[in-house]
Amino acid sequence: MLPEPKEIKYWINDIKGSQIEAKAPAWAKEEFEAYQRLMSAKPNKKGTIKWY
């Protein structure tokens, strides 16, 4: 199970999908992008997803 992102309070989930507020700090934006890449990753032939 993945840990909850540190600054999820900056995240916006609405009809348009997940976004991050413009006023969010740079490190929170990087965390958001990394989390979004992870969630869109495709599993390999064994069915596992690598996250690093």
C-alpha atoms as a PDB file:
ATOM      1  CA  MET A   1       0.000   0.000   0.000  1.00  0.00           C
ATOM      2  CA  LEU A   2       1.305   3.436  -0.873  1.00  0.00           C
ATOM      3  CA  PRO A   3       1.659   6.131   1.766  1.00  0.00           C
ATOM      4  CA  GLU A   4      -0.523   9.216   1.456  1.00  0.00           C
ATOM      5  CA  PRO A   5       1.323  12.106  -0.213  1.00  0.00           C
ATOM      6  CA  LYS A   6       2.698  14.671   2.271  1.00  0.00           C
ATOM      7  CA  GLU A   7       0.877  17.691   0.892  1.00  0.00           C
ATOM      8  CA  ILE A   8      -2.332  16.239  -0.477  1.00  0.00           C
ATOM      9  CA  LYS A   9      -4.069  19.430   0.694  1.00  0.00           C
ATOM     10  CA  TYR A  10      -2.829  21.119  -2.514  1.00  0.00           C
ATOM     11  CA  TRP A  11      -4.413  18.496  -4.756  1.00  0.00           C
ATOM     12  CA  ILE A  12      -7.640  19.197  -6.609  1.00  0.00           C
ATOM     13  CA  ASN A  13      -9.816  16.300  -7.787  1.00  0.00           C
ATOM     14  CA  ASP A  14     -12.746  17.327  -9.935  1.00  0.00           C
ATOM     15  CA  ILE A  15     -14.457  16.500 -13.214  1.00  0.00           C
ATOM     16  CA  LYS A  16     -11.312  17.483 -15.153  1.00  0.00           C
ATOM     17  CA  GLY A  17      -9.215  14.975 -13.211  1.00  0.00           C
ATOM     18  CA  SER A  18      -6.423  15.431 -10.704  1.00  0.00           C
ATOM     19  CA  GLN A  19      -4.620  18.754 -10.611  1.00  0.00           C
ATOM     20  CA  ILE A  20      -2.442  20.663  -8.170  1.00  0.00           C
ATOM     21  CA  GLU A  21      -2.984  24.228  -7.022  1.00  0.00           C
ATOM     22  CA  ALA A  22      -0.801  26.911  -8.580  1.00  0.00           C
ATOM     23  CA  LYS A  23       0.190  28.189  -5.120  1.00  0.00           C
ATOM     24  CA  ALA A  24       1.650  24.806  -4.112  1.00  0.00           C
ATOM     25  CA  PRO A  25       5.380  24.721  -3.303  1.00  0.00           C
ATOM     26  CA  ALA A  26       7.706  23.345  -5.976  1.00  0.00           C
ATOM     27  CA  TRP A  27       8.460  20.158  -4.008  1.00  0.00           C
ATOM     28  CA  ALA A  28       4.720  19.449  -3.681  1.00  0.00           C
ATOM     29  CA  LYS A  29       4.312  19.842  -7.442  1.00  0.00           C
ATOM     30  CA  GLU A  30       7.173  17.386  -8.019  1.00  0.00           C
ATOM     31  CA  GLU A  31       5.586  14.924  -5.588  1.00  0.00           C
ATOM     32  CA  PHE A  32       2.269  15.276  -7.434  1.00  0.00           C
ATOM     33  CA  GLU A  33       3.881  14.608 -10.833  1.00  0.00           C
ATOM     34  CA  ALA A  34       5.729  11.554  -9.513  1.00  0.00           C
ATOM     35  CA  TYR A  35       2.532  10.174  -7.971  1.00  0.00           C
ATOM     36  CA  GLN A  36       0.607  10.729 -11.213  1.00  0.00           C
ATOM     37  CA  ARG A  37       3.319   8.904 -13.222  1.00  0.00           C
ATOM     38  CA  LEU A  38       3.127   6.024 -10.778  1.00  0.00           C
ATOM     39  CA  MET A  39      -0.648   5.766 -11.019  1.00  0.00           C
ATOM     40  CA  SER A  40      -0.523   5.724 -14.828  1.00  0.00           C
ATOM     41  CA  ALA A  41       2.226   3.070 -15.014  1.00  0.00           C
ATOM     42  CA  LYS A  42       1.510  -0.192 -16.786  1.00  0.00           C
ATOM     43  CA  PRO A  43       2.334  -3.525 -15.132  1.00  0.00           C
ATOM     44  CA  ASN A  44       5.067  -5.739 -16.594  1.00  0.00           C
ATOM     45  CA  LYS A  45       4.498  -9.326 -17.771  1.00  0.00           C
ATOM     46  CA  LYS A  46       4.519 -10.545 -14.164  1.00  0.00           C
ATOM     47  CA  GLY A  47       1.835  -8.031 -13.230  1.00  0.00           C
ATOM     48  CA  THR A  48       4.046  -5.843 -11.066  1.00  0.00           C
ATOM     49  CA  ILE A  49       4.596  -2.100 -11.287  1.00  0.00           C
ATOM     50  CA  LYS A  50       7.969  -0.689 -10.315  1.00  0.00           C
ATOM     51  CA  TRP A  51       7.916   2.584  -8.455  1.00  0.00           C
ATOM     52  CA  TYR A  52      11.089   4.437  -7.692  1.00  0.00           C
END
